[in-house]
């Protein structure tokens, strides 16, 4: 995939866009190990890949939760991954001031779901000229995301994407309404977050739970429903991941799942052509 993402930023065409990587950048060796495996699989299947890693985790349940290895160190690792493998990279930002800083290292700026209505954050991200991938708030309808996209476009940047990541269902669970994919696709390219949509947040322990055994089910359903891409957090050993391990995909399962999704995408295109 081209690192210089143009116009809408969407260069995947009819292919399923893959956005994948660890929840957080834990170190250079780990990031390169994950990226190498993802690149090998996606290259073999001709699936465009964007490598994802958070350079800092700002939304944590407890003050003692892992937040990162240092902003500059983590951003530098993302840039090294991009350069070494020749692929786009993405990370999330949390304040308007972070937009320009992160944009110097990455190709796509991700807006966290809890912050998707923050006008100053969206405008600052748009002003970098980078692709802005906005995660739908757990508290919002799919239709309301049109306004978030419009804030980016009204700031002079046409490169806005959306990501579905579930809707709050009670205090400690999420549910996905797949009608939302159809709605959001009318506003721009729409990605399905396969791992965060299976989170079980707000656990009494202060550590988010999840249902990773349902990732493949969620993947097949999302691709069949017309998702333009998928977002997957993955790790060689989710049980030892420093962030969000409870809902991550084990790295050795990615290849098989990617093949399933490619097949489902081809079936979807054939059925809707």
C-alpha atoms as a PDB file:
ATOM      1  CA  UNK A   1       0.000   0.000   0.000  1.00  0.00           C
ATOM      2  CA  UNK A   2       1.224   3.481  -0.799  1.00  0.00           C
ATOM      3  CA  UNK A   3       2.501   5.394   2.214  1.00  0.00           C
ATOM      4  CA  UNK A   4       1.444   8.653   0.551  1.00  0.00           C
ATOM      5  CA  UNK A   5      -2.307   8.321   1.013  1.00  0.00           C
ATOM      6  CA  UNK A   6      -4.115  10.628  -1.398  1.00  0.00           C
ATOM      7  CA  UNK A   7      -7.628  12.153  -1.847  1.00  0.00           C
ATOM      8  CA  UNK A   8      -9.868  10.236   0.556  1.00  0.00           C
ATOM      9  CA  UNK A   9      -6.750   8.424   1.734  1.00  0.00           C
ATOM     10  CA  UNK A  10      -8.349   5.140   0.788  1.00  0.00           C
ATOM     11  CA  UNK A  11      -6.085   3.222  -1.571  1.00  0.00           C
ATOM     12  CA  UNK A  12      -7.356  -0.286  -0.809  1.00  0.00           C
ATOM     13  CA  UNK A  13      -9.926  -0.207  -3.598  1.00  0.00           C
ATOM     14  CA  UNK A  14     -12.073  -3.340  -3.413  1.00  0.00           C
ATOM     15  CA  UNK A  15      -9.519  -5.100  -1.235  1.00  0.00           C
ATOM     16  CA  UNK A  16     -10.157  -5.390   2.486  1.00  0.00           C
ATOM     17  CA  UNK A  17      -8.031  -2.843   4.358  1.00  0.00           C
ATOM     18  CA  UNK A  18      -6.225  -4.325   7.363  1.00  0.00           C
ATOM     19  CA  UNK A  19      -5.277  -2.111  10.299  1.00  0.00           C
ATOM     20  CA  UNK A  20      -3.437  -4.260  12.821  1.00  0.00           C
ATOM     21  CA  UNK A  21      -0.779  -4.258  15.484  1.00  0.00           C
ATOM     22  CA  UNK A  22      -0.331  -4.219  19.245  1.00  0.00           C
ATOM     23  CA  UNK A  23      -2.529  -2.153  21.519  1.00  0.00           C
ATOM     24  CA  UNK A  24       0.510  -0.248  22.774  1.00  0.00           C
ATOM     25  CA  UNK A  25       4.114   0.019  21.647  1.00  0.00           C
ATOM     26  CA  UNK A  26       5.967  -2.031  24.258  1.00  0.00           C
ATOM     27  CA  UNK A  27       9.392  -1.935  22.631  1.00  0.00           C
ATOM     28  CA  UNK A  28      11.158  -2.056  19.279  1.00  0.00           C
ATOM     29  CA  UNK A  29      11.776  -5.810  19.170  1.00  0.00           C
ATOM     30  CA  UNK A  30       8.138  -6.598  19.877  1.00  0.00           C
ATOM     31  CA  UNK A  31       6.848  -4.075  17.348  1.00  0.00           C
ATOM     32  CA  UNK A  32       9.127  -5.437  14.611  1.00  0.00           C
ATOM     33  CA  UNK A  33       8.206  -9.035  15.434  1.00  0.00           C
ATOM     34  CA  UNK A  34       4.494  -8.275  15.097  1.00  0.00           C
ATOM     35  CA  UNK A  35       4.934  -6.107  12.001  1.00  0.00           C
ATOM     36  CA  UNK A  36       7.055  -8.735  10.232  1.00  0.00           C
ATOM     37  CA  UNK A  37       4.408 -11.406  10.774  1.00  0.00           C
ATOM     38  CA  UNK A  38       1.569  -9.116   9.640  1.00  0.00           C
ATOM     39  CA  UNK A  39       3.472  -7.985   6.548  1.00  0.00           C
ATOM     40  CA  UNK A  40       4.270 -11.574   5.568  1.00  0.00           C
ATOM     41  CA  UNK A  41       0.613 -12.608   5.747  1.00  0.00           C
ATOM     42  CA  UNK A  42      -0.851  -9.515   4.113  1.00  0.00           C
ATOM     43  CA  UNK A  43       1.706  -9.567   1.294  1.00  0.00           C
ATOM     44  CA  UNK A  44       0.915 -13.203   0.541  1.00  0.00           C
ATOM     45  CA  UNK A  45      -2.821 -12.450   0.438  1.00  0.00           C
ATOM     46  CA  UNK A  46      -2.526  -9.066  -1.325  1.00  0.00           C
ATOM     47  CA  UNK A  47      -4.247  -7.313   1.560  1.00  0.00           C
ATOM     48  CA  UNK A  48      -3.194  -3.705   2.232  1.00  0.00           C
ATOM     49  CA  UNK A  49      -1.821  -3.247   5.744  1.00  0.00           C
ATOM     50  CA  UNK A  50      -1.560  -0.291   8.074  1.00  0.00           C
ATOM     51  CA  UNK A  51       0.455  -1.043  11.226  1.00  0.00           C
ATOM     52  CA  UNK A  52      -1.147   0.226  14.420  1.00  0.00           C
ATOM     53  CA  UNK A  53       0.358   0.932  17.810  1.00  0.00           C
ATOM     54  CA  UNK A  54      -0.547   3.437  20.524  1.00  0.00           C
ATOM     55  CA  UNK A  55       2.425   5.556  21.529  1.00  0.00           C
ATOM     56  CA  UNK A  56       0.660   6.450  24.769  1.00  0.00           C
ATOM     57  CA  UNK A  57      -2.412   5.028  26.478  1.00  0.00           C
ATOM     58  CA  UNK A  58      -4.315   7.952  27.951  1.00  0.00           C
ATOM     59  CA  UNK A  59      -7.607   6.212  28.752  1.00  0.00           C
ATOM     60  CA  UNK A  60      -6.815   3.833  31.597  1.00  0.00           C
ATOM     61  CA  UNK A  61      -9.105   2.542  34.352  1.00  0.00           C
ATOM     62  CA  UNK A  62      -6.425   2.657  37.049  1.00  0.00           C
ATOM     63  CA  UNK A  63      -3.526   5.001  37.670  1.00  0.00           C
ATOM     64  CA  UNK A  64      -1.104   2.055  37.865  1.00  0.00           C
ATOM     65  CA  UNK A  65      -2.036   0.784  34.384  1.00  0.00           C
ATOM     66  CA  UNK A  66       0.652   0.773  31.665  1.00  0.00           C
ATOM     67  CA  UNK A  67       0.608   3.996  29.648  1.00  0.00           C
ATOM     68  CA  UNK A  68       3.701   3.686  27.439  1.00  0.00           C
ATOM     69  CA  UNK A  69       7.476   3.597  27.113  1.00  0.00           C
ATOM     70  CA  UNK A  70       7.730   7.335  26.456  1.00  0.00           C
ATOM     71  CA  UNK A  71       6.194   9.370  23.657  1.00  0.00           C
ATOM     72  CA  UNK A  72       9.294  10.039  21.586  1.00  0.00           C
ATOM     73  CA  UNK A  73      10.595   6.487  21.937  1.00  0.00           C
ATOM     74  CA  UNK A  74       7.293   4.938  20.874  1.00  0.00           C
ATOM     75  CA  UNK A  75       6.728   7.340  17.979  1.00  0.00           C
ATOM     76  CA  UNK A  76      10.268   6.698  16.764  1.00  0.00           C
ATOM     77  CA  UNK A  77       9.556   2.945  16.733  1.00  0.00           C
ATOM     78  CA  UNK A  78       6.431   3.528  14.633  1.00  0.00           C
ATOM     79  CA  UNK A  79       8.483   5.559  12.166  1.00  0.00           C
ATOM     80  CA  UNK A  80      11.108   2.808  12.014  1.00  0.00           C
ATOM     81  CA  UNK A  81       8.428   0.193  11.280  1.00  0.00           C
ATOM     82  CA  UNK A  82       7.052   2.372   8.481  1.00  0.00           C
ATOM     83  CA  UNK A  83      10.489   2.895   6.959  1.00  0.00           C
ATOM     84  CA  UNK A  84      11.721  -0.689   7.313  1.00  0.00           C
ATOM     85  CA  UNK A  85       8.622  -2.398   5.936  1.00  0.00           C
ATOM     86  CA  UNK A  86       7.427   0.370   3.621  1.00  0.00           C
ATOM     87  CA  UNK A  87       3.917   0.420   5.086  1.00  0.00           C
ATOM     88  CA  UNK A  88       1.697   3.156   6.545  1.00  0.00           C
ATOM     89  CA  UNK A  89       1.435   3.370  10.325  1.00  0.00           C
ATOM     90  CA  UNK A  90      -1.175   4.801  12.653  1.00  0.00           C
ATOM     91  CA  UNK A  91      -1.541   5.819  16.277  1.00  0.00           C
ATOM     92  CA  UNK A  92      -4.188   7.496  18.390  1.00  0.00           C
ATOM     93  CA  UNK A  93      -4.006  11.053  19.688  1.00  0.00           C
ATOM     94  CA  UNK A  94      -5.782  12.570  22.663  1.00  0.00           C
ATOM     95  CA  UNK A  95      -5.325  16.348  22.575  1.00  0.00           C
ATOM     96  CA  UNK A  96      -5.135  18.985  19.861  1.00  0.00           C
ATOM     97  CA  UNK A  97      -1.501  19.604  20.758  1.00  0.00           C
ATOM     98  CA  UNK A  98      -0.593  15.982  20.037  1.00  0.00           C
ATOM     99  CA  UNK A  99      -1.859  16.060  16.451  1.00  0.00           C
ATOM    100  CA  UNK A 100       1.107  17.816  14.857  1.00  0.00           C
ATOM    101  CA  UNK A 101       3.588  15.890  17.007  1.00  0.00           C
ATOM    102  CA  UNK A 102       2.241  12.465  15.995  1.00  0.00           C
ATOM    103  CA  UNK A 103       1.735  13.520  12.369  1.00  0.00           C
ATOM    104  CA  UNK A 104       5.489  13.900  11.986  1.00  0.00           C
ATOM    105  CA  UNK A 105       5.821  10.135  12.498  1.00  0.00           C
ATOM    106  CA  UNK A 106       2.636   8.453  11.226  1.00  0.00           C
ATOM    107  CA  UNK A 107       0.358   8.383   8.190  1.00  0.00           C
ATOM    108  CA  UNK A 108      -3.053   8.052   9.842  1.00  0.00           C
ATOM    109  CA  UNK A 109      -4.225   9.806  13.009  1.00  0.00           C
ATOM    110  CA  UNK A 110      -6.763   7.830  15.007  1.00  0.00           C
ATOM    111  CA  UNK A 111      -9.340   9.666  17.104  1.00  0.00           C
ATOM    112  CA  UNK A 112     -10.378   7.610  20.151  1.00  0.00           C
ATOM    113  CA  UNK A 113     -14.068   6.786  20.506  1.00  0.00           C
ATOM    114  CA  UNK A 114     -14.476   8.741  23.743  1.00  0.00           C
ATOM    115  CA  UNK A 115     -13.095  11.851  22.003  1.00  0.00           C
ATOM    116  CA  UNK A 116     -14.918  11.682  18.661  1.00  0.00           C
ATOM    117  CA  UNK A 117     -16.991  14.801  19.397  1.00  0.00           C
ATOM    118  CA  UNK A 118     -14.020  16.972  20.432  1.00  0.00           C
ATOM    119  CA  UNK A 119     -14.023  19.689  17.810  1.00  0.00           C
ATOM    120  CA  UNK A 120     -10.579  21.093  18.612  1.00  0.00           C
ATOM    121  CA  UNK A 121      -9.058  17.615  18.359  1.00  0.00           C
ATOM    122  CA  UNK A 122     -10.737  16.854  15.027  1.00  0.00           C
ATOM    123  CA  UNK A 123      -9.760  20.218  13.554  1.00  0.00           C
ATOM    124  CA  UNK A 124      -6.150  19.885  14.717  1.00  0.00           C
ATOM    125  CA  UNK A 125      -5.946  16.393  13.223  1.00  0.00           C
ATOM    126  CA  UNK A 126      -7.476  17.622   9.961  1.00  0.00           C
ATOM    127  CA  UNK A 127      -5.011  20.501   9.770  1.00  0.00           C
ATOM    128  CA  UNK A 128      -2.059  18.097   9.647  1.00  0.00           C
ATOM    129  CA  UNK A 129      -3.245  16.884   6.231  1.00  0.00           C
ATOM    130  CA  UNK A 130      -3.036  13.276   7.397  1.00  0.00           C
ATOM    131  CA  UNK A 131      -5.830  10.726   7.119  1.00  0.00           C
ATOM    132  CA  UNK A 132      -8.111  11.061  10.156  1.00  0.00           C
ATOM    133  CA  UNK A 133      -9.693   7.798  11.303  1.00  0.00           C
ATOM    134  CA  UNK A 134     -12.517   8.582  13.744  1.00  0.00           C
ATOM    135  CA  UNK A 135     -13.753   5.842  16.037  1.00  0.00           C
ATOM    136  CA  UNK A 136     -17.489   5.983  16.713  1.00  0.00           C
ATOM    137  CA  UNK A 137     -18.267   6.817  20.306  1.00  0.00           C
ATOM    138  CA  UNK A 138     -19.783   3.991  22.327  1.00  0.00           C
ATOM    139  CA  UNK A 139     -22.524   6.450  23.255  1.00  0.00           C
ATOM    140  CA  UNK A 140     -23.435   7.632  19.738  1.00  0.00           C
ATOM    141  CA  UNK A 141     -25.575   6.440  16.867  1.00  0.00           C
ATOM    142  CA  UNK A 142     -23.913   5.629  13.579  1.00  0.00           C
ATOM    143  CA  UNK A 143     -25.851   8.438  11.900  1.00  0.00           C
ATOM    144  CA  UNK A 144     -24.459  11.046  14.286  1.00  0.00           C
ATOM    145  CA  UNK A 145     -20.936  10.342  13.058  1.00  0.00           C
ATOM    146  CA  UNK A 146     -21.708  12.300   9.896  1.00  0.00           C
ATOM    147  CA  UNK A 147     -21.044  15.453  11.919  1.00  0.00           C
ATOM    148  CA  UNK A 148     -17.626  14.260  13.073  1.00  0.00           C
ATOM    149  CA  UNK A 149     -16.617  13.552   9.477  1.00  0.00           C
ATOM    150  CA  UNK A 150     -17.934  16.934   8.386  1.00  0.00           C
ATOM    151  CA  UNK A 151     -15.766  18.728  10.949  1.00  0.00           C
ATOM    152  CA  UNK A 152     -12.682  17.224   9.303  1.00  0.00           C
ATOM    153  CA  UNK A 153     -13.875  18.041   5.796  1.00  0.00           C
ATOM    154  CA  UNK A 154     -14.940  21.568   6.740  1.00  0.00           C
ATOM    155  CA  UNK A 155     -11.366  22.057   7.959  1.00  0.00           C
ATOM    156  CA  UNK A 156     -10.154  21.426   4.420  1.00  0.00           C
ATOM    157  CA  UNK A 157      -9.176  17.772   4.749  1.00  0.00           C
ATOM    158  CA  UNK A 158     -11.217  15.229   2.705  1.00  0.00           C
ATOM    159  CA  UNK A 159      -9.361  12.254   4.195  1.00  0.00           C
ATOM    160  CA  UNK A 160     -11.773  11.116   6.913  1.00  0.00           C
ATOM    161  CA  UNK A 161     -12.570   7.501   7.783  1.00  0.00           C
ATOM    162  CA  UNK A 162     -14.845   5.984  10.400  1.00  0.00           C
ATOM    163  CA  UNK A 163     -14.426   2.966  12.648  1.00  0.00           C
ATOM    164  CA  UNK A 164     -17.210   1.035  14.382  1.00  0.00           C
ATOM    165  CA  UNK A 165     -16.222  -0.302  17.798  1.00  0.00           C
ATOM    166  CA  UNK A 166     -19.498  -1.156  19.485  1.00  0.00           C
ATOM    167  CA  UNK A 167     -22.123   0.600  21.565  1.00  0.00           C
ATOM    168  CA  UNK A 168     -22.456   0.606  25.351  1.00  0.00           C
ATOM    169  CA  UNK A 169     -24.828  -2.163  26.452  1.00  0.00           C
ATOM    170  CA  UNK A 170     -25.343  -1.875  30.180  1.00  0.00           C
ATOM    171  CA  UNK A 171     -22.443  -0.953  32.415  1.00  0.00           C
ATOM    172  CA  UNK A 172     -19.922  -3.652  31.477  1.00  0.00           C
ATOM    173  CA  UNK A 173     -20.548  -4.742  27.915  1.00  0.00           C
ATOM    174  CA  UNK A 174     -20.770  -3.612  24.303  1.00  0.00           C
ATOM    175  CA  UNK A 175     -23.003  -4.654  21.403  1.00  0.00           C
ATOM    176  CA  UNK A 176     -22.554  -4.093  17.665  1.00  0.00           C
ATOM    177  CA  UNK A 177     -25.468  -2.961  15.518  1.00  0.00           C
ATOM    178  CA  UNK A 178     -24.353  -3.914  12.020  1.00  0.00           C
ATOM    179  CA  UNK A 179     -26.897  -1.533  10.486  1.00  0.00           C
ATOM    180  CA  UNK A 180     -24.406   1.138  11.517  1.00  0.00           C
ATOM    181  CA  UNK A 181     -21.843  -0.019   8.961  1.00  0.00           C
ATOM    182  CA  UNK A 182     -24.256   0.716   6.132  1.00  0.00           C
ATOM    183  CA  UNK A 183     -25.031   4.134   7.583  1.00  0.00           C
ATOM    184  CA  UNK A 184     -21.424   5.168   8.159  1.00  0.00           C
ATOM    185  CA  UNK A 185     -20.266   3.946   4.751  1.00  0.00           C
ATOM    186  CA  UNK A 186     -22.372   6.729   3.227  1.00  0.00           C
ATOM    187  CA  UNK A 187     -20.083   9.232   5.004  1.00  0.00           C
ATOM    188  CA  UNK A 188     -16.740   7.641   4.124  1.00  0.00           C
ATOM    189  CA  UNK A 189     -14.660   4.438   4.232  1.00  0.00           C
ATOM    190  CA  UNK A 190     -15.712   2.441   7.294  1.00  0.00           C
ATOM    191  CA  UNK A 191     -13.629   0.000   9.303  1.00  0.00           C
ATOM    192  CA  UNK A 192     -14.815  -2.577  11.838  1.00  0.00           C
ATOM    193  CA  UNK A 193     -12.813  -2.783  15.051  1.00  0.00           C
ATOM    194  CA  UNK A 194     -12.913  -6.513  15.715  1.00  0.00           C
ATOM    195  CA  UNK A 195     -11.193  -6.489  19.083  1.00  0.00           C
ATOM    196  CA  UNK A 196     -12.403  -3.412  20.961  1.00  0.00           C
ATOM    197  CA  UNK A 197     -15.984  -4.223  19.975  1.00  0.00           C
ATOM    198  CA  UNK A 198     -15.592  -7.367  22.096  1.00  0.00           C
ATOM    199  CA  UNK A 199     -14.370  -5.533  25.183  1.00  0.00           C
ATOM    200  CA  UNK A 200     -16.106  -5.816  28.518  1.00  0.00           C
ATOM    201  CA  UNK A 201     -15.244  -2.445  30.040  1.00  0.00           C
ATOM    202  CA  UNK A 202     -15.645  -1.047  33.546  1.00  0.00           C
ATOM    203  CA  UNK A 203     -14.912  -4.289  35.388  1.00  0.00           C
ATOM    204  CA  UNK A 204     -14.770  -3.946  39.173  1.00  0.00           C
ATOM    205  CA  UNK A 205     -11.112  -5.011  39.098  1.00  0.00           C
ATOM    206  CA  UNK A 206     -10.232  -1.933  37.043  1.00  0.00           C
ATOM    207  CA  UNK A 207      -8.939  -4.173  34.231  1.00  0.00           C
ATOM    208  CA  UNK A 208     -11.014  -4.363  31.032  1.00  0.00           C
ATOM    209  CA  UNK A 209     -12.277  -7.815  30.083  1.00  0.00           C
ATOM    210  CA  UNK A 210     -13.086  -9.199  26.660  1.00  0.00           C
ATOM    211  CA  UNK A 211     -14.382 -12.055  24.484  1.00  0.00           C
ATOM    212  CA  UNK A 212     -11.479 -12.850  22.112  1.00  0.00           C
ATOM    213  CA  UNK A 213     -12.985 -16.236  21.245  1.00  0.00           C
ATOM    214  CA  UNK A 214     -15.569 -14.293  19.204  1.00  0.00           C
ATOM    215  CA  UNK A 215     -13.086 -12.332  17.065  1.00  0.00           C
ATOM    216  CA  UNK A 216     -13.384 -14.666  14.070  1.00  0.00           C
ATOM    217  CA  UNK A 217     -17.186 -14.604  14.328  1.00  0.00           C
ATOM    218  CA  UNK A 218     -17.161 -10.813  14.460  1.00  0.00           C
ATOM    219  CA  UNK A 219     -14.753 -10.701  11.502  1.00  0.00           C
ATOM    220  CA  UNK A 220     -16.856 -12.884   9.238  1.00  0.00           C
ATOM    221  CA  UNK A 221     -20.010 -10.973  10.128  1.00  0.00           C
ATOM    222  CA  UNK A 222     -18.434  -7.553   9.565  1.00  0.00           C
ATOM    223  CA  UNK A 223     -16.959  -8.459   6.175  1.00  0.00           C
ATOM    224  CA  UNK A 224     -20.247 -10.018   5.082  1.00  0.00           C
ATOM    225  CA  UNK A 225     -21.978  -6.791   6.134  1.00  0.00           C
ATOM    226  CA  UNK A 226     -19.739  -4.748   3.844  1.00  0.00           C
ATOM    227  CA  UNK A 227     -17.019  -3.334   6.088  1.00  0.00           C
ATOM    228  CA  UNK A 228     -14.322  -1.660   3.974  1.00  0.00           C
ATOM    229  CA  UNK A 229     -11.634  -2.709   6.396  1.00  0.00           C
ATOM    230  CA  UNK A 230     -10.959  -4.268   9.774  1.00  0.00           C
ATOM    231  CA  UNK A 231      -8.996  -3.155  12.815  1.00  0.00           C
ATOM    232  CA  UNK A 232      -7.335  -5.878  14.891  1.00  0.00           C
ATOM    233  CA  UNK A 233      -5.124  -5.607  17.935  1.00  0.00           C
ATOM    234  CA  UNK A 234      -2.772  -8.571  18.085  1.00  0.00           C
ATOM    235  CA  UNK A 235       0.125  -9.799  20.210  1.00  0.00           C
ATOM    236  CA  UNK A 236       2.343 -12.907  20.300  1.00  0.00           C
ATOM    237  CA  UNK A 237       1.065 -13.635  23.821  1.00  0.00           C
ATOM    238  CA  UNK A 238      -2.030 -11.600  24.754  1.00  0.00           C
ATOM    239  CA  UNK A 239      -1.840 -12.864  28.347  1.00  0.00           C
ATOM    240  CA  UNK A 240       1.389 -10.898  28.817  1.00  0.00           C
ATOM    241  CA  UNK A 241       0.413  -7.815  26.791  1.00  0.00           C
ATOM    242  CA  UNK A 242       0.769  -4.628  28.801  1.00  0.00           C
ATOM    243  CA  UNK A 243      -2.531  -3.207  27.553  1.00  0.00           C
ATOM    244  CA  UNK A 244      -5.887  -4.699  26.502  1.00  0.00           C
ATOM    245  CA  UNK A 245      -4.639  -8.283  26.449  1.00  0.00           C
ATOM    246  CA  UNK A 246      -8.096  -9.591  27.382  1.00  0.00           C
ATOM    247  CA  UNK A 247      -9.572  -8.849  23.962  1.00  0.00           C
ATOM    248  CA  UNK A 248      -6.571  -9.185  21.630  1.00  0.00           C
ATOM    249  CA  UNK A 249      -6.011 -11.763  18.880  1.00  0.00           C
ATOM    250  CA  UNK A 250      -3.081 -14.124  19.321  1.00  0.00           C
ATOM    251  CA  UNK A 251      -0.615 -13.321  16.537  1.00  0.00           C
ATOM    252  CA  UNK A 252      -0.372 -16.930  15.360  1.00  0.00           C
ATOM    253  CA  UNK A 253      -4.113 -16.858  14.583  1.00  0.00           C
ATOM    254  CA  UNK A 254      -3.937 -13.822  12.326  1.00  0.00           C
ATOM    255  CA  UNK A 255      -2.949 -15.626   9.129  1.00  0.00           C
ATOM    256  CA  UNK A 256      -5.880 -18.042   9.199  1.00  0.00           C
ATOM    257  CA  UNK A 257      -8.325 -15.273  10.025  1.00  0.00           C
ATOM    258  CA  UNK A 258      -6.942 -13.050   7.264  1.00  0.00           C
ATOM    259  CA  UNK A 259      -7.509 -15.818   4.725  1.00  0.00           C
ATOM    260  CA  UNK A 260     -11.100 -16.225   5.906  1.00  0.00           C
ATOM    261  CA  UNK A 261     -11.721 -12.496   5.633  1.00  0.00           C
ATOM    262  CA  UNK A 262     -10.236 -12.322   2.146  1.00  0.00           C
ATOM    263  CA  UNK A 263     -12.535 -15.143   1.032  1.00  0.00           C
ATOM    264  CA  UNK A 264     -15.533 -13.455   2.650  1.00  0.00           C
ATOM    265  CA  UNK A 265     -14.655 -10.150   0.983  1.00  0.00           C
ATOM    266  CA  UNK A 266     -14.514 -11.778  -2.444  1.00  0.00           C
ATOM    267  CA  UNK A 267     -17.888 -13.432  -1.799  1.00  0.00           C
ATOM    268  CA  UNK A 268     -19.360 -10.109  -0.679  1.00  0.00           C
ATOM    269  CA  UNK A 269     -18.141  -8.338  -3.829  1.00  0.00           C
ATOM    270  CA  UNK A 270     -19.490 -11.115  -6.042  1.00  0.00           C
ATOM    271  CA  UNK A 271     -22.863 -11.006  -4.321  1.00  0.00           C
ATOM    272  CA  UNK A 272     -23.201  -7.223  -4.546  1.00  0.00           C
ATOM    273  CA  UNK A 273     -21.758  -6.587  -8.000  1.00  0.00           C
END
